[in-house]
Amino acid sequence: MDEVAVIVAVHFTLTNAADGTHVISAGRVNALVLTIANAGTGAMTFKGGKAVPEDSAPSGPSAMYLSFLDLLGLHELTQLRIAAAPGWRATLFTGPAPTWALTPDRDTVLGPGESLAFVLDNVVPTRPKRSASLIVDFHAMGVPSGSRSLALEIGPARRGPHDEIPRRV
């Protein structure tokens, strides 16, 4: 009898909620969509529970820790609003390295081809950079713990739908 290998793989994407690109505007409010997809053939099992600081992650629930080192300062980080996927919560840890933790409320499973989406709103890059990354450290997610760097380009402030455009007379 042939055995079938079960592969569990996680895939992360980060896009601008307004246009689906990897470009956000400096000095303006941006919304980002962080998507976590099960790209494997087996289920990903998440252990639920209350978030713990990342240095205690091995004894805590399944978690994704979001770091915005090159993008946001502590003040901007505390102003973020995160709309968590159903059954998940976002918890801010301010020290020693400020991070947001995303954790499931209870044990849950993400089947092959399924995904979770989190909306990160009120992202206002104020640091003078042309690019930055969101670092996602993940633990106890049914795959070996690891880290992913999700790149963003920071462009000049774009006009919003309510900005007035000067007219020539």
Protein backbone atom coordinates (compact mmCIF):
# COMPACT_ATOMS: atom_id res chain seq x y z
CA MET A 1 0.00 0.00 0.00
CA ASP A 2 1.35 3.42 -0.95
CA GLU A 3 1.77 5.98 1.80
CA VAL A 4 0.82 9.57 1.15
CA ALA A 5 2.99 12.25 2.71
CA VAL A 6 1.09 14.92 4.60
CA ILE A 7 2.66 18.34 4.25
CA VAL A 8 1.82 21.18 6.60
CA ALA A 9 3.04 24.54 5.33
CA VAL A 10 2.13 28.10 6.25
CA HIS A 11 2.12 31.05 3.85
CA PHE A 12 1.91 34.71 4.92
CA THR A 13 0.96 37.73 2.80
CA LEU A 14 0.70 41.42 3.70
CA THR A 15 -1.12 43.86 1.43
CA ASN A 16 -2.52 47.36 1.45
CA ALA A 17 -6.26 46.96 2.14
CA ALA A 18 -7.10 49.80 -0.26
CA ASP A 19 -5.46 48.46 -3.41
CA GLY A 20 -3.90 45.04 -2.74
CA THR A 21 -0.35 46.27 -3.34
CA HIS A 22 2.67 46.24 -1.03
CA VAL A 23 2.87 50.06 -1.05
CA ILE A 24 1.66 52.25 1.80
CA SER A 25 1.70 56.03 2.21
CA ALA A 26 4.04 57.87 4.55
CA GLY A 27 2.41 60.14 7.11
CA ARG A 28 -1.14 58.90 6.35
CA VAL A 29 -3.42 56.31 7.87
CA ASN A 30 -3.12 52.96 6.08
CA ALA A 31 -4.90 49.67 6.56
CA LEU A 32 -3.08 46.40 5.90
CA VAL A 33 -4.40 42.87 5.49
CA LEU A 34 -2.28 40.08 6.96
CA THR A 35 -3.34 36.70 5.57
CA ILE A 36 -2.16 33.37 6.92
CA ALA A 37 -2.87 30.41 4.64
CA ASN A 38 -2.43 26.69 5.08
CA ALA A 39 -0.48 25.91 1.92
CA GLY A 40 -0.01 22.25 2.80
CA THR A 41 -1.99 19.03 2.46
CA GLY A 42 -2.53 18.49 6.19
CA ALA A 43 -4.41 20.45 8.82
CA MET A 44 -2.73 23.08 10.98
CA THR A 45 -3.71 22.72 14.63
CA PHE A 46 -3.68 25.78 16.86
CA LYS A 47 -3.64 25.63 20.67
CA GLY A 48 -5.94 28.25 22.17
CA GLY A 49 -5.36 30.40 25.22
CA LYS A 50 -4.35 33.76 26.60
CA ALA A 51 -1.40 35.44 24.89
CA VAL A 52 1.97 35.37 26.63
CA PRO A 53 5.08 37.48 25.93
CA GLU A 54 7.19 36.01 23.14
CA ASP A 55 9.98 34.91 25.50
CA SER A 56 7.38 32.58 27.10
CA ALA A 57 5.97 31.37 23.75
CA PRO A 58 7.07 27.72 24.15
CA SER A 59 4.74 27.35 27.14
CA GLY A 60 1.88 29.44 25.73
CA PRO A 61 -0.83 29.04 23.11
CA SER A 62 -0.27 29.11 19.37
CA ALA A 63 0.79 32.63 18.51
CA MET A 64 2.00 34.99 15.83
CA TYR A 65 4.05 37.93 17.09
CA LEU A 66 4.07 41.03 14.87
CA SER A 67 7.05 43.40 15.00
CA PHE A 68 7.17 46.67 13.09
CA LEU A 69 10.78 47.58 13.90
CA ASP A 70 11.55 49.70 10.83
CA LEU A 71 8.03 50.98 10.28
CA LEU A 72 6.48 52.23 13.52
CA GLY A 73 7.68 53.70 16.77
CA LEU A 74 6.18 52.69 20.11
CA HIS A 75 3.56 55.45 20.04
CA GLU A 76 2.38 54.50 16.53
CA LEU A 77 2.40 50.82 17.51
CA THR A 78 0.09 51.48 20.47
CA GLN A 79 -2.32 53.33 18.16
CA LEU A 80 -2.82 50.32 15.87
CA ARG A 81 -6.24 48.73 15.69
CA ILE A 82 -6.28 45.06 14.76
CA ALA A 83 -9.47 43.37 13.61
CA ALA A 84 -8.71 39.75 14.42
CA ALA A 85 -10.08 36.79 12.51
CA PRO A 86 -13.14 35.23 14.20
CA GLY A 87 -12.08 33.28 17.30
CA TRP A 88 -8.74 35.10 17.53
CA ARG A 89 -7.56 38.06 19.59
CA ALA A 90 -4.80 40.66 19.34
CA THR A 91 -2.77 41.58 22.43
CA LEU A 92 -0.14 44.33 22.64
CA PHE A 93 3.08 43.69 24.59
CA THR A 94 5.08 46.91 25.03
CA GLY A 95 8.38 45.57 26.31
CA PRO A 96 11.16 44.80 26.06
CA ALA A 97 10.61 44.56 22.27
CA PRO A 98 7.13 45.92 21.45
CA THR A 99 4.99 43.37 19.59
CA TRP A 100 1.39 42.46 18.92
CA ALA A 101 0.47 38.82 19.60
CA LEU A 102 -2.30 37.10 17.62
CA THR A 103 -3.69 34.05 19.44
CA PRO A 104 -6.75 31.81 19.10
CA ASP A 105 -9.30 31.91 21.92
CA ARG A 106 -9.65 28.11 21.88
CA ASP A 107 -8.11 25.13 20.11
CA THR A 108 -8.87 25.32 16.41
CA VAL A 109 -7.86 23.80 13.08
CA LEU A 110 -7.05 25.43 9.74
CA GLY A 111 -7.59 22.93 6.95
CA PRO A 112 -5.60 22.68 3.72
CA GLY A 113 -6.31 25.67 1.48
CA GLU A 114 -8.02 27.62 4.28
CA SER A 115 -6.82 31.00 5.48
CA LEU A 116 -7.20 33.59 8.23
CA ALA A 117 -7.21 37.34 7.67
CA PHE A 118 -6.37 40.10 10.12
CA VAL A 119 -6.88 43.81 9.33
CA LEU A 120 -4.22 46.09 10.78
CA ASP A 121 -5.70 49.58 10.75
CA ASN A 122 -4.37 52.98 11.71
CA VAL A 123 -0.89 52.16 10.40
CA VAL A 124 0.84 55.54 10.10
CA PRO A 125 4.49 55.25 9.07
CA THR A 126 6.41 58.22 10.43
CA ARG A 127 9.98 56.96 10.12
CA PRO A 128 11.90 58.30 7.10
CA LYS A 129 12.28 55.00 5.25
CA ARG A 130 11.49 53.93 1.70
CA SER A 131 10.86 50.35 2.71
CA ALA A 132 10.20 48.39 5.86
CA SER A 133 9.10 44.94 6.94
CA LEU A 134 6.57 43.42 9.22
CA ILE A 135 8.26 40.54 11.04
CA VAL A 136 5.98 37.62 11.95
CA ASP A 137 7.41 35.17 14.49
CA PHE A 138 5.16 32.14 14.87
CA HIS A 139 5.02 29.38 17.48
CA ALA A 140 2.98 26.19 18.11
CA MET A 141 1.02 26.38 14.86
CA GLY A 142 1.35 22.79 13.71
CA VAL A 143 4.49 23.70 11.76
CA PRO A 144 8.00 24.27 13.11
CA SER A 145 8.29 27.65 14.82
CA GLY A 146 9.83 30.28 12.60
CA SER A 147 9.88 33.83 11.36
CA ARG A 148 8.85 35.58 8.15
CA SER A 149 9.70 39.05 6.93
CA LEU A 150 6.93 40.69 4.88
CA ALA A 151 8.20 43.69 2.91
CA LEU A 152 6.39 46.96 2.32
CA GLU A 153 7.30 49.96 0.22
CA ILE A 154 6.64 53.36 1.72
CA GLY A 155 5.62 55.92 -0.84
CA PRO A 156 4.78 59.59 -0.54
CA ALA A 157 1.39 60.46 0.90
CA ARG A 158 -1.26 59.75 -1.73
CA ARG A 159 -4.36 61.80 -2.20
CA GLY A 160 -7.37 60.35 -0.48
CA PRO A 161 -10.90 60.33 -1.85
CA HIS A 162 -11.80 63.37 0.28
CA ASP A 163 -8.75 65.50 -0.52
CA GLU A 164 -9.49 68.55 -2.61
CA ILE A 165 -7.73 68.82 -5.93
CA PRO A 166 -6.79 72.43 -6.81
CA ARG A 167 -8.49 73.69 -9.96
CA ARG A 168 -6.95 76.02 -12.50
CA VAL A 169 -8.93 79.16 -13.13
